[in-house]
């Protein structure tokens, strides 16, 4: 037997075992990589959901002096207020005029932006109105928002909480309305406060000028 013959490729059985071993190691490696990627993806999703779920709403009026501040005239605040008022009116009291009252402490700019978004068929509440919507409070957190609106008709009122959602920078849409029959005092018309809006970038303004 020649020396060359002794140094040739391994027998077919040994070669088959080597190929099977390589395939087994490759399969296990791919499985391990996929498992780690799935775990990392699930962990990232959980952390994202947890962080967004724990973040508080920025509200107006603010919940406290230390709460997150929101500018009623900055986007998307006018959109949230106008969309909530429009949808509550359409779904709860469509046969009445769209007369609205906004929370006290808002500047004329905020009132103007909300009116522009509601359109000419809506108007602000004035003394003597008996049928109107009183927006008491609203809040925004990333892609979610809410508004508490009291529906009044001849001295009788109930509270409606509108829940809103949006996809990224798309407009907010009302996803749910919930009624609460609680004791409330009939409000008086609020008026814009005298004073300038807080100075921020013009890119952040909230409505049509």
N, C-alpha and C. Protein backbone atom coordinates (compact mmCIF):
# COMPACT_ATOMS: atom_id res chain seq x y z
N UNK A 1 0.86 -1.19 0.00
CA UNK A 1 0.00 0.00 0.00
C UNK A 1 0.89 1.23 0.00
N UNK A 2 0.57 2.15 -0.86
CA UNK A 2 1.42 3.33 -1.00
C UNK A 2 1.15 4.32 0.11
N UNK A 3 2.13 5.20 0.39
CA UNK A 3 1.99 6.25 1.39
C UNK A 3 0.89 7.22 1.00
N UNK A 4 0.74 7.45 -0.30
CA UNK A 4 -0.31 8.35 -0.77
C UNK A 4 -1.68 7.81 -0.41
N UNK A 5 -1.87 6.50 -0.52
CA UNK A 5 -3.15 5.89 -0.19
C UNK A 5 -3.49 6.05 1.26
N UNK A 6 -2.49 6.00 2.17
CA UNK A 6 -2.76 6.16 3.59
C UNK A 6 -3.18 7.57 3.95
N UNK A 7 -2.80 8.55 3.15
CA UNK A 7 -3.09 9.95 3.46
C UNK A 7 -4.32 10.47 2.73
N UNK A 8 -5.02 9.60 2.01
CA UNK A 8 -6.22 10.04 1.30
C UNK A 8 -7.32 10.44 2.26
N UNK A 9 -8.50 10.92 1.73
CA UNK A 9 -9.64 11.35 2.54
C UNK A 9 -10.09 10.24 3.48
N UNK A 10 -10.72 10.61 4.65
CA UNK A 10 -11.21 9.59 5.59
C UNK A 10 -12.24 8.71 4.92
N UNK A 11 -12.49 7.56 5.48
CA UNK A 11 -13.53 6.67 4.94
C UNK A 11 -14.88 7.36 4.92
N UNK A 12 -15.77 6.87 4.13
CA UNK A 12 -17.08 7.51 3.94
C UNK A 12 -17.86 7.59 5.25
N UNK A 13 -17.78 6.58 6.12
CA UNK A 13 -18.53 6.60 7.38
C UNK A 13 -18.03 7.72 8.28
N UNK A 14 -16.70 7.85 8.37
CA UNK A 14 -16.13 8.89 9.22
C UNK A 14 -16.49 10.28 8.67
N UNK A 15 -16.47 10.41 7.34
CA UNK A 15 -16.83 11.68 6.73
C UNK A 15 -18.30 12.02 6.99
N UNK A 16 -19.16 11.02 6.96
CA UNK A 16 -20.58 11.23 7.23
C UNK A 16 -20.81 11.70 8.66
N UNK A 17 -20.05 11.10 9.60
CA UNK A 17 -20.17 11.50 11.01
C UNK A 17 -19.75 12.96 11.19
N UNK A 18 -18.68 13.35 10.52
CA UNK A 18 -18.20 14.73 10.62
C UNK A 18 -19.23 15.71 10.07
N UNK A 19 -19.85 15.35 8.93
CA UNK A 19 -20.86 16.23 8.33
C UNK A 19 -22.06 16.37 9.25
N UNK A 20 -22.50 15.23 9.83
CA UNK A 20 -23.64 15.28 10.75
C UNK A 20 -23.33 16.14 11.97
N UNK A 21 -22.09 16.04 12.46
CA UNK A 21 -21.70 16.84 13.63
C UNK A 21 -21.72 18.32 13.30
N UNK A 22 -21.22 18.66 12.12
CA UNK A 22 -21.22 20.07 11.71
C UNK A 22 -22.66 20.58 11.58
N UNK A 23 -23.53 19.79 10.98
CA UNK A 23 -24.93 20.19 10.84
C UNK A 23 -25.59 20.38 12.20
N UNK A 24 -25.30 19.46 13.13
CA UNK A 24 -25.89 19.54 14.47
C UNK A 24 -25.45 20.81 15.19
N UNK A 25 -24.14 21.11 15.09
CA UNK A 25 -23.64 22.32 15.74
C UNK A 25 -24.23 23.58 15.11
N UNK A 26 -24.37 23.58 13.79
CA UNK A 26 -24.94 24.73 13.09
C UNK A 26 -26.40 24.94 13.49
N UNK A 27 -27.15 23.83 13.58
CA UNK A 27 -28.56 23.92 13.96
C UNK A 27 -28.71 24.46 15.38
N UNK A 28 -27.91 23.94 16.30
CA UNK A 28 -27.98 24.40 17.69
C UNK A 28 -27.58 25.86 17.81
N UNK A 29 -26.58 26.27 17.02
CA UNK A 29 -26.14 27.66 17.06
C UNK A 29 -27.24 28.59 16.57
N UNK A 30 -27.91 28.23 15.48
CA UNK A 30 -29.00 29.05 14.94
C UNK A 30 -30.16 29.12 15.93
N UNK A 31 -30.46 27.97 16.56
CA UNK A 31 -31.55 27.95 17.55
C UNK A 31 -31.23 28.86 18.73
N UNK A 32 -29.99 28.81 19.19
CA UNK A 32 -29.59 29.65 20.32
C UNK A 32 -29.66 31.13 19.97
N UNK A 33 -29.23 31.47 18.75
CA UNK A 33 -29.27 32.87 18.32
C UNK A 33 -30.71 33.35 18.23
N UNK A 34 -31.59 32.53 17.64
CA UNK A 34 -33.00 32.90 17.52
C UNK A 34 -33.64 33.08 18.90
N UNK A 35 -33.31 32.18 19.82
CA UNK A 35 -33.88 32.27 21.16
C UNK A 35 -33.46 33.56 21.85
N UNK A 36 -32.19 33.91 21.70
CA UNK A 36 -31.73 35.15 22.33
C UNK A 36 -32.38 36.37 21.71
N UNK A 37 -32.56 36.36 20.38
CA UNK A 37 -33.20 37.48 19.72
C UNK A 37 -34.65 37.63 20.17
N UNK A 38 -35.36 36.50 20.32
CA UNK A 38 -36.75 36.54 20.77
C UNK A 38 -36.83 37.09 22.18
N UNK A 39 -35.91 36.64 23.05
CA UNK A 39 -35.91 37.12 24.44
C UNK A 39 -35.62 38.61 24.49
N UNK A 40 -34.64 39.07 23.71
CA UNK A 40 -34.30 40.49 23.69
C UNK A 40 -35.46 41.33 23.16
N UNK A 41 -36.14 40.84 22.11
CA UNK A 41 -37.27 41.57 21.55
C UNK A 41 -38.41 41.68 22.56
N UNK A 42 -38.69 40.57 23.24
CA UNK A 42 -39.76 40.58 24.24
C UNK A 42 -39.42 41.51 25.39
N UNK A 43 -38.14 41.50 25.80
CA UNK A 43 -37.72 42.36 26.90
C UNK A 43 -37.83 43.83 26.50
N UNK A 44 -37.42 44.15 25.27
CA UNK A 44 -37.52 45.53 24.79
C UNK A 44 -38.96 45.99 24.74
N UNK A 45 -39.86 45.12 24.23
CA UNK A 45 -41.28 45.47 24.15
C UNK A 45 -41.87 45.67 25.53
N UNK A 46 -41.48 44.81 26.48
CA UNK A 46 -42.00 44.93 27.84
C UNK A 46 -41.55 46.22 28.49
N UNK A 47 -40.27 46.56 28.31
CA UNK A 47 -39.76 47.79 28.90
C UNK A 47 -40.41 49.01 28.28
N UNK A 48 -40.65 48.97 26.96
CA UNK A 48 -41.32 50.09 26.30
C UNK A 48 -42.73 50.27 26.81
N UNK A 49 -43.46 49.16 26.92
CA UNK A 49 -44.84 49.23 27.42
C UNK A 49 -44.87 49.71 28.86
N UNK A 50 -43.91 49.22 29.64
CA UNK A 50 -43.88 49.60 31.04
C UNK A 50 -43.59 51.08 31.21
N UNK A 51 -42.63 51.59 30.43
CA UNK A 51 -42.26 52.99 30.55
C UNK A 51 -43.38 53.90 30.09
N UNK A 52 -44.07 53.54 28.98
CA UNK A 52 -45.16 54.37 28.50
C UNK A 52 -46.37 54.27 29.41
N UNK A 53 -46.59 53.09 30.00
CA UNK A 53 -47.73 52.92 30.87
C UNK A 53 -47.59 53.65 32.18
N UNK A 54 -46.36 53.84 32.65
CA UNK A 54 -46.13 54.49 33.93
C UNK A 54 -46.02 56.00 33.79
N UNK A 55 -45.83 56.50 32.58
CA UNK A 55 -45.68 57.94 32.39
C UNK A 55 -47.00 58.63 32.70
N UNK A 56 -46.99 59.71 33.48
CA UNK A 56 -48.23 60.40 33.83
C UNK A 56 -48.74 61.24 32.68
N UNK A 57 -50.04 61.54 32.71
CA UNK A 57 -50.63 62.45 31.74
C UNK A 57 -50.23 63.88 32.10
N UNK A 58 -49.92 64.66 31.08
CA UNK A 58 -49.79 66.11 31.27
C UNK A 58 -51.19 66.67 31.14
N UNK A 59 -51.67 67.37 32.16
CA UNK A 59 -53.07 67.79 32.19
C UNK A 59 -53.21 69.30 32.29
N UNK A 60 -54.38 69.76 31.87
CA UNK A 60 -54.77 71.15 32.09
C UNK A 60 -56.24 71.17 32.49
N UNK A 61 -56.56 71.81 33.62
CA UNK A 61 -55.63 72.36 34.61
C UNK A 61 -54.71 71.27 35.17
N UNK A 62 -53.51 71.65 35.60
CA UNK A 62 -52.55 70.65 36.10
C UNK A 62 -53.06 69.99 37.37
N UNK A 63 -52.64 68.74 37.56
CA UNK A 63 -53.05 68.00 38.75
C UNK A 63 -52.49 68.63 40.02
N UNK A 64 -51.31 69.22 39.91
CA UNK A 64 -50.68 69.86 41.07
C UNK A 64 -49.64 70.84 40.57
N UNK A 65 -49.06 71.59 41.49
CA UNK A 65 -48.02 72.55 41.12
C UNK A 65 -46.78 71.86 40.58
N UNK A 66 -46.60 70.60 40.95
CA UNK A 66 -45.42 69.86 40.51
C UNK A 66 -45.72 68.95 39.33
N UNK A 67 -46.95 68.99 38.81
CA UNK A 67 -47.31 68.13 37.69
C UNK A 67 -46.66 68.59 36.39
N UNK A 68 -46.73 67.71 35.39
CA UNK A 68 -46.17 68.04 34.08
C UNK A 68 -46.97 69.18 33.47
N UNK A 69 -46.27 70.19 32.99
CA UNK A 69 -46.94 71.37 32.47
C UNK A 69 -47.35 71.17 31.02
N UNK A 70 -48.52 71.67 30.68
CA UNK A 70 -49.01 71.59 29.31
C UNK A 70 -49.47 72.98 28.89
N UNK A 71 -49.15 73.36 27.67
CA UNK A 71 -49.57 74.65 27.14
C UNK A 71 -50.84 74.44 26.31
N UNK A 72 -51.98 75.00 26.72
CA UNK A 72 -53.23 74.75 26.00
C UNK A 72 -53.23 75.21 24.55
N UNK A 73 -52.36 76.13 24.19
CA UNK A 73 -52.33 76.63 22.82
C UNK A 73 -51.34 75.89 21.94
N UNK A 74 -50.56 74.98 22.54
CA UNK A 74 -49.56 74.22 21.77
C UNK A 74 -50.14 72.90 21.28
N UNK A 75 -49.76 72.52 20.05
CA UNK A 75 -50.17 71.22 19.53
C UNK A 75 -49.63 70.11 20.43
N UNK A 76 -50.46 69.07 20.66
CA UNK A 76 -51.78 68.85 20.07
C UNK A 76 -52.95 69.24 20.97
N UNK A 77 -52.72 70.14 21.94
CA UNK A 77 -53.77 70.48 22.90
C UNK A 77 -55.05 71.01 22.24
N UNK A 78 -54.98 72.00 21.33
CA UNK A 78 -56.22 72.47 20.70
C UNK A 78 -56.94 71.37 19.93
N UNK A 79 -56.17 70.49 19.30
CA UNK A 79 -56.77 69.37 18.57
C UNK A 79 -57.52 68.44 19.51
N UNK A 80 -56.91 68.12 20.65
CA UNK A 80 -57.55 67.23 21.62
C UNK A 80 -58.84 67.85 22.14
N UNK A 81 -58.81 69.14 22.47
CA UNK A 81 -60.01 69.80 22.98
C UNK A 81 -61.11 69.85 21.92
N UNK A 82 -60.76 70.28 20.71
CA UNK A 82 -61.76 70.42 19.65
C UNK A 82 -62.33 69.07 19.23
N UNK A 83 -61.48 68.06 19.08
CA UNK A 83 -61.95 66.74 18.68
C UNK A 83 -62.88 66.15 19.75
N UNK A 84 -62.52 66.33 21.01
CA UNK A 84 -63.35 65.81 22.09
C UNK A 84 -64.71 66.50 22.12
N UNK A 85 -64.71 67.83 22.02
CA UNK A 85 -65.98 68.57 22.02
C UNK A 85 -66.85 68.17 20.83
N UNK A 86 -66.24 68.09 19.67
CA UNK A 86 -67.00 67.75 18.46
C UNK A 86 -67.62 66.36 18.56
N UNK A 87 -66.86 65.39 19.03
CA UNK A 87 -67.37 64.02 19.09
C UNK A 87 -68.39 63.83 20.20
N UNK A 88 -68.18 64.46 21.35
CA UNK A 88 -69.18 64.37 22.42
C UNK A 88 -70.50 64.99 21.95
N UNK A 89 -70.41 66.12 21.27
CA UNK A 89 -71.63 66.75 20.75
C UNK A 89 -72.32 65.85 19.73
N UNK A 90 -71.55 65.27 18.82
CA UNK A 90 -72.13 64.45 17.75
C UNK A 90 -72.75 63.17 18.29
N UNK A 91 -72.17 62.60 19.33
CA UNK A 91 -72.64 61.30 19.82
C UNK A 91 -73.63 61.40 20.97
N UNK A 92 -73.59 62.51 21.70
CA UNK A 92 -74.43 62.62 22.89
C UNK A 92 -75.60 63.58 22.69
N UNK A 93 -75.33 64.74 22.09
CA UNK A 93 -76.40 65.75 21.95
C UNK A 93 -76.37 66.38 20.56
N UNK A 94 -76.55 65.59 19.51
CA UNK A 94 -76.42 66.12 18.14
C UNK A 94 -77.53 67.09 17.74
N UNK A 95 -78.65 67.07 18.46
CA UNK A 95 -79.78 67.93 18.09
C UNK A 95 -79.73 69.29 18.76
N UNK A 96 -78.65 69.59 19.46
CA UNK A 96 -78.50 70.88 20.14
C UNK A 96 -77.38 71.68 19.48
N UNK A 97 -77.38 73.00 19.66
CA UNK A 97 -76.27 73.80 19.13
C UNK A 97 -74.95 73.42 19.81
N UNK A 98 -73.87 73.57 19.09
CA UNK A 98 -72.55 73.28 19.66
C UNK A 98 -72.04 74.54 20.35
N UNK A 99 -72.36 74.63 21.63
CA UNK A 99 -71.91 75.74 22.47
C UNK A 99 -70.97 75.15 23.50
N UNK A 100 -69.81 75.76 23.67
CA UNK A 100 -68.79 75.15 24.53
C UNK A 100 -68.18 76.16 25.49
N UNK A 101 -67.65 75.61 26.57
CA UNK A 101 -66.94 76.38 27.58
C UNK A 101 -65.61 75.68 27.82
N UNK A 102 -64.52 76.44 27.85
CA UNK A 102 -63.19 75.89 28.09
C UNK A 102 -62.75 76.16 29.53
N UNK A 103 -61.76 75.44 30.02
CA UNK A 103 -61.29 75.67 31.39
C UNK A 103 -60.78 77.10 31.57
N UNK A 104 -60.88 77.59 32.77
CA UNK A 104 -60.35 78.92 33.07
C UNK A 104 -58.82 78.87 33.03
N UNK A 105 -58.23 80.04 32.80
CA UNK A 105 -56.78 80.12 32.79
C UNK A 105 -56.15 80.00 31.42
N UNK A 106 -56.96 79.94 30.37
CA UNK A 106 -56.41 79.84 29.01
C UNK A 106 -56.36 81.21 28.36
N UNK A 107 -55.35 81.41 27.54
CA UNK A 107 -55.19 82.68 26.85
C UNK A 107 -56.11 82.73 25.63
N UNK A 108 -56.20 83.93 25.05
CA UNK A 108 -57.04 84.12 23.86
C UNK A 108 -56.55 83.27 22.69
N UNK A 109 -55.24 83.01 22.65
CA UNK A 109 -54.69 82.19 21.56
C UNK A 109 -55.26 80.78 21.61
N UNK A 110 -55.33 80.19 22.79
CA UNK A 110 -55.87 78.84 22.93
C UNK A 110 -57.34 78.80 22.53
N UNK A 111 -58.11 79.79 22.98
CA UNK A 111 -59.53 79.85 22.60
C UNK A 111 -59.68 79.98 21.08
N UNK A 112 -58.84 80.80 20.48
CA UNK A 112 -58.92 81.01 19.03
C UNK A 112 -58.62 79.73 18.27
N UNK A 113 -57.58 79.00 18.69
CA UNK A 113 -57.21 77.77 17.99
C UNK A 113 -58.32 76.73 18.09
N UNK A 114 -58.93 76.61 19.26
CA UNK A 114 -60.02 75.64 19.42
C UNK A 114 -61.20 76.03 18.54
N UNK A 115 -61.55 77.32 18.53
CA UNK A 115 -62.66 77.78 17.69
C UNK A 115 -62.38 77.52 16.22
N UNK A 116 -61.16 77.78 15.78
CA UNK A 116 -60.80 77.53 14.38
C UNK A 116 -60.95 76.07 14.00
N UNK A 117 -60.61 75.18 14.92
CA UNK A 117 -60.70 73.75 14.63
C UNK A 117 -62.15 73.25 14.69
N UNK A 118 -62.97 73.88 15.50
CA UNK A 118 -64.38 73.48 15.58
C UNK A 118 -65.18 73.97 14.38
N UNK A 119 -64.84 75.13 13.88
CA UNK A 119 -65.55 75.64 12.71
C UNK A 119 -66.63 76.64 13.06
N UNK A 120 -67.26 77.23 12.04
CA UNK A 120 -68.21 78.33 12.25
C UNK A 120 -69.53 77.91 12.89
N UNK A 121 -69.84 76.61 12.91
CA UNK A 121 -71.11 76.19 13.50
C UNK A 121 -71.02 76.05 15.02
N UNK A 122 -69.84 76.29 15.60
CA UNK A 122 -69.67 76.24 17.05
C UNK A 122 -69.42 77.65 17.57
N UNK A 123 -69.78 77.86 18.83
CA UNK A 123 -69.52 79.17 19.43
C UNK A 123 -69.23 79.00 20.92
N UNK A 124 -68.60 80.03 21.48
CA UNK A 124 -68.28 80.03 22.90
C UNK A 124 -69.54 80.29 23.73
N UNK A 125 -69.54 79.75 24.92
CA UNK A 125 -70.65 79.96 25.86
C UNK A 125 -70.69 81.41 26.32
N UNK A 126 -71.90 81.94 26.47
CA UNK A 126 -72.10 83.30 26.99
C UNK A 126 -73.12 83.23 28.12
N UNK A 127 -73.18 84.26 28.97
CA UNK A 127 -74.18 84.26 30.04
C UNK A 127 -75.59 84.07 29.49
N UNK A 128 -76.36 83.22 30.15
CA UNK A 128 -77.72 82.95 29.72
C UNK A 128 -77.88 81.64 28.96
N UNK A 129 -76.77 81.05 28.48
CA UNK A 129 -76.86 79.76 27.78
C UNK A 129 -77.25 78.66 28.76
N UNK A 130 -78.18 77.81 28.34
CA UNK A 130 -78.64 76.70 29.17
C UNK A 130 -78.25 75.34 28.61
N UNK A 131 -77.89 75.31 27.34
CA UNK A 131 -77.48 74.06 26.69
C UNK A 131 -76.06 74.25 26.17
N UNK A 132 -75.12 73.52 26.76
CA UNK A 132 -73.72 73.73 26.38
C UNK A 132 -72.87 72.56 26.86
N UNK A 133 -71.65 72.51 26.35
CA UNK A 133 -70.64 71.54 26.78
C UNK A 133 -69.56 72.28 27.55
N UNK A 134 -69.26 71.79 28.73
CA UNK A 134 -68.26 72.42 29.58
C UNK A 134 -67.04 71.51 29.67
N UNK A 135 -65.98 71.87 28.95
CA UNK A 135 -64.75 71.08 29.00
C UNK A 135 -64.02 71.44 30.29
N UNK A 136 -64.01 70.50 31.21
CA UNK A 136 -63.46 70.77 32.54
C UNK A 136 -61.95 70.53 32.62
N UNK A 137 -61.48 69.52 31.89
CA UNK A 137 -60.08 69.10 32.06
C UNK A 137 -59.71 68.18 30.91
N UNK A 138 -58.45 68.24 30.49
CA UNK A 138 -57.96 67.31 29.48
C UNK A 138 -56.52 66.95 29.78
N UNK A 139 -56.08 65.83 29.21
CA UNK A 139 -54.71 65.37 29.44
C UNK A 139 -54.15 64.69 28.21
N UNK A 140 -52.84 64.72 28.08
CA UNK A 140 -52.15 64.13 26.93
C UNK A 140 -50.94 63.36 27.42
N UNK A 141 -50.76 62.15 26.86
CA UNK A 141 -49.57 61.34 27.14
C UNK A 141 -49.20 60.58 25.88
N UNK A 142 -48.19 61.08 25.18
CA UNK A 142 -47.71 60.44 23.95
C UNK A 142 -48.84 60.28 22.94
N UNK A 143 -49.27 59.05 22.69
CA UNK A 143 -50.30 58.81 21.67
C UNK A 143 -51.69 58.64 22.28
N UNK A 144 -51.85 58.98 23.54
CA UNK A 144 -53.15 58.86 24.21
C UNK A 144 -53.55 60.21 24.81
N UNK A 145 -54.84 60.41 24.92
CA UNK A 145 -55.34 61.65 25.51
C UNK A 145 -56.73 61.38 26.08
N UNK A 146 -57.20 62.33 26.89
CA UNK A 146 -58.56 62.23 27.42
C UNK A 146 -59.10 63.64 27.64
N UNK A 147 -60.41 63.75 27.77
CA UNK A 147 -61.05 65.03 28.08
C UNK A 147 -62.30 64.75 28.91
N UNK A 148 -62.45 65.50 29.99
CA UNK A 148 -63.65 65.43 30.82
C UNK A 148 -64.58 66.58 30.42
N UNK A 149 -65.75 66.24 29.93
CA UNK A 149 -66.69 67.24 29.41
C UNK A 149 -68.05 67.05 30.07
N UNK A 150 -68.56 68.11 30.69
CA UNK A 150 -69.89 68.07 31.28
C UNK A 150 -70.91 68.52 30.24
N UNK A 151 -71.96 67.72 30.10
CA UNK A 151 -73.03 68.02 29.15
C UNK A 151 -74.20 68.61 29.94
N UNK A 152 -74.53 69.87 29.64
CA UNK A 152 -75.58 70.58 30.39
C UNK A 152 -76.78 70.88 29.50
N UNK A 153 -77.97 70.69 30.09
CA UNK A 153 -79.21 71.01 29.38
C UNK A 153 -80.25 71.45 30.41
N UNK A 154 -80.52 72.77 30.43
CA UNK A 154 -81.50 73.35 31.35
C UNK A 154 -81.23 72.98 32.81
N UNK A 155 -80.00 73.14 33.24
CA UNK A 155 -79.65 72.93 34.63
C UNK A 155 -79.35 71.50 35.02
N UNK A 156 -79.51 70.56 34.11
CA UNK A 156 -79.22 69.15 34.39
C UNK A 156 -77.97 68.76 33.62
N UNK A 157 -77.01 68.18 34.32
CA UNK A 157 -75.76 67.84 33.66
C UNK A 157 -75.22 66.48 34.06
N UNK A 158 -74.42 65.91 33.20
CA UNK A 158 -73.69 64.68 33.51
C UNK A 158 -72.32 64.78 32.85
N UNK A 159 -71.40 63.97 33.34
CA UNK A 159 -70.01 64.05 32.88
C UNK A 159 -69.72 62.96 31.85
N UNK A 160 -69.01 63.33 30.81
CA UNK A 160 -68.56 62.39 29.78
C UNK A 160 -67.04 62.46 29.69
N UNK A 161 -66.39 61.32 29.82
CA UNK A 161 -64.94 61.25 29.62
C UNK A 161 -64.66 60.66 28.25
N UNK A 162 -64.01 61.45 27.41
CA UNK A 162 -63.64 61.00 26.07
C UNK A 162 -62.21 60.49 26.09
N UNK A 163 -62.00 59.29 25.58
CA UNK A 163 -60.65 58.72 25.45
C UNK A 163 -60.23 58.81 23.99
N UNK A 164 -59.01 59.27 23.75
CA UNK A 164 -58.52 59.46 22.39
C UNK A 164 -57.19 58.73 22.20
N UNK A 165 -56.94 58.33 20.96
CA UNK A 165 -55.67 57.70 20.60
C UNK A 165 -55.26 58.16 19.21
N UNK A 166 -53.98 58.00 18.91
CA UNK A 166 -53.48 58.32 17.58
C UNK A 166 -52.27 57.45 17.27
N UNK A 167 -51.94 57.33 15.99
CA UNK A 167 -50.74 56.62 15.55
C UNK A 167 -49.67 57.65 15.22
N UNK A 168 -48.63 57.68 16.04
CA UNK A 168 -47.51 58.60 15.84
C UNK A 168 -48.00 60.04 15.69
N UNK A 169 -47.80 60.63 14.50
CA UNK A 169 -48.18 62.04 14.32
C UNK A 169 -49.54 62.19 13.63
N UNK A 170 -50.29 61.12 13.52
CA UNK A 170 -51.61 61.20 12.92
C UNK A 170 -52.57 61.92 13.87
N UNK A 171 -53.71 62.42 13.35
CA UNK A 171 -54.67 63.12 14.22
C UNK A 171 -55.25 62.21 15.29
N UNK A 172 -55.61 62.80 16.41
CA UNK A 172 -56.26 62.06 17.48
C UNK A 172 -57.68 61.68 17.06
N UNK A 173 -58.11 60.50 17.50
CA UNK A 173 -59.47 60.04 17.26
C UNK A 173 -60.07 59.56 18.58
N UNK A 174 -61.34 59.86 18.79
CA UNK A 174 -62.03 59.41 19.99
C UNK A 174 -62.31 57.91 19.86
N UNK A 175 -61.86 57.15 20.84
CA UNK A 175 -62.05 55.70 20.81
C UNK A 175 -63.11 55.23 21.80
N UNK A 176 -63.45 56.07 22.77
CA UNK A 176 -64.44 55.63 23.76
C UNK A 176 -65.02 56.84 24.48
N UNK A 177 -66.31 56.75 24.80
CA UNK A 177 -66.99 57.75 25.62
C UNK A 177 -67.62 57.03 26.81
N UNK A 178 -67.40 57.59 27.99
CA UNK A 178 -67.96 56.99 29.20
C UNK A 178 -68.70 58.05 30.00
N UNK A 179 -69.93 57.75 30.38
CA UNK A 179 -70.76 58.70 31.12
C UNK A 179 -70.65 58.46 32.62
N UNK A 180 -70.71 59.57 33.38
CA UNK A 180 -70.72 59.51 34.83
C UNK A 180 -71.81 60.45 35.34
N UNK A 181 -72.73 59.90 36.11
CA UNK A 181 -73.81 60.72 36.66
C UNK A 181 -73.43 61.08 38.10
N UNK A 182 -72.83 62.25 38.24
CA UNK A 182 -72.34 62.71 39.53
C UNK A 182 -72.90 64.11 39.79
N UNK A 183 -72.81 64.52 41.04
CA UNK A 183 -73.28 65.85 41.42
C UNK A 183 -72.28 66.90 40.96
N UNK A 184 -72.76 67.88 40.21
CA UNK A 184 -71.90 68.95 39.71
C UNK A 184 -72.62 70.28 39.86
N UNK A 185 -71.83 71.33 39.95
CA UNK A 185 -72.37 72.69 39.98
C UNK A 185 -72.33 73.27 38.58
N UNK A 186 -73.42 73.88 38.16
CA UNK A 186 -73.46 74.46 36.82
C UNK A 186 -72.47 75.61 36.73
N UNK A 187 -71.59 75.59 35.74
CA UNK A 187 -70.53 76.59 35.66
C UNK A 187 -71.00 77.89 35.02
N UNK A 188 -70.19 78.90 35.21
CA UNK A 188 -70.36 80.17 34.52
C UNK A 188 -69.40 80.21 33.32
N UNK A 189 -69.70 81.03 32.32
CA UNK A 189 -68.80 81.10 31.17
C UNK A 189 -67.42 81.59 31.57
N UNK A 190 -66.41 80.91 31.10
CA UNK A 190 -65.03 81.36 31.30
C UNK A 190 -64.63 82.26 30.14
N UNK A 191 -63.67 83.12 30.40
CA UNK A 191 -63.18 84.03 29.36
C UNK A 191 -61.66 83.91 29.30
N UNK A 192 -61.07 84.23 28.16
CA UNK A 192 -59.60 84.16 28.06
C UNK A 192 -58.94 85.10 29.07
N UNK A 193 -57.81 84.66 29.59
CA UNK A 193 -57.06 85.51 30.51
C UNK A 193 -56.29 86.55 29.72
N UNK A 194 -56.00 87.65 30.36
CA UNK A 194 -55.23 88.70 29.72
C UNK A 194 -53.74 88.42 29.94
N UNK A 195 -53.00 88.40 28.86
CA UNK A 195 -51.57 88.13 28.97
C UNK A 195 -51.07 87.39 27.77
N UNK A 196 -49.76 87.40 27.62
CA UNK A 196 -49.13 86.75 26.47
C UNK A 196 -48.95 85.27 26.73
N UNK A 197 -48.93 84.50 25.65
CA UNK A 197 -48.64 83.07 25.77
C UNK A 197 -47.17 82.89 26.11
N UNK A 198 -46.87 81.78 26.77
CA UNK A 198 -45.47 81.47 27.07
C UNK A 198 -44.70 81.33 25.77
N UNK A 199 -43.48 81.81 25.77
CA UNK A 199 -42.66 81.80 24.56
C UNK A 199 -42.02 80.44 24.35
N UNK A 200 -42.32 79.83 23.20
CA UNK A 200 -41.67 78.59 22.78
C UNK A 200 -41.45 78.68 21.29
N UNK A 201 -40.89 77.62 20.71
CA UNK A 201 -40.64 77.61 19.28
C UNK A 201 -41.94 77.72 18.50
N UNK A 202 -41.92 78.46 17.39
CA UNK A 202 -43.11 78.61 16.57
C UNK A 202 -43.54 77.29 15.95
N UNK A 203 -42.62 76.32 15.87
CA UNK A 203 -42.97 75.01 15.32
C UNK A 203 -43.91 74.25 16.23
N UNK A 204 -44.09 74.72 17.47
CA UNK A 204 -44.90 73.99 18.43
C UNK A 204 -46.30 74.54 18.58
N UNK A 205 -46.64 75.59 17.84
CA UNK A 205 -47.95 76.19 18.02
C UNK A 205 -49.03 75.21 17.61
N UNK A 206 -50.25 75.43 18.16
CA UNK A 206 -51.24 74.38 18.05
C UNK A 206 -52.40 74.61 17.14
N UNK A 207 -52.46 75.64 16.35
CA UNK A 207 -53.64 75.80 15.52
C UNK A 207 -53.43 76.75 14.38
N UNK A 208 -54.48 76.94 13.60
CA UNK A 208 -54.43 77.86 12.48
C UNK A 208 -54.45 79.29 12.97
N UNK A 209 -53.65 80.11 12.39
CA UNK A 209 -53.60 81.49 12.82
C UNK A 209 -54.34 82.38 11.84
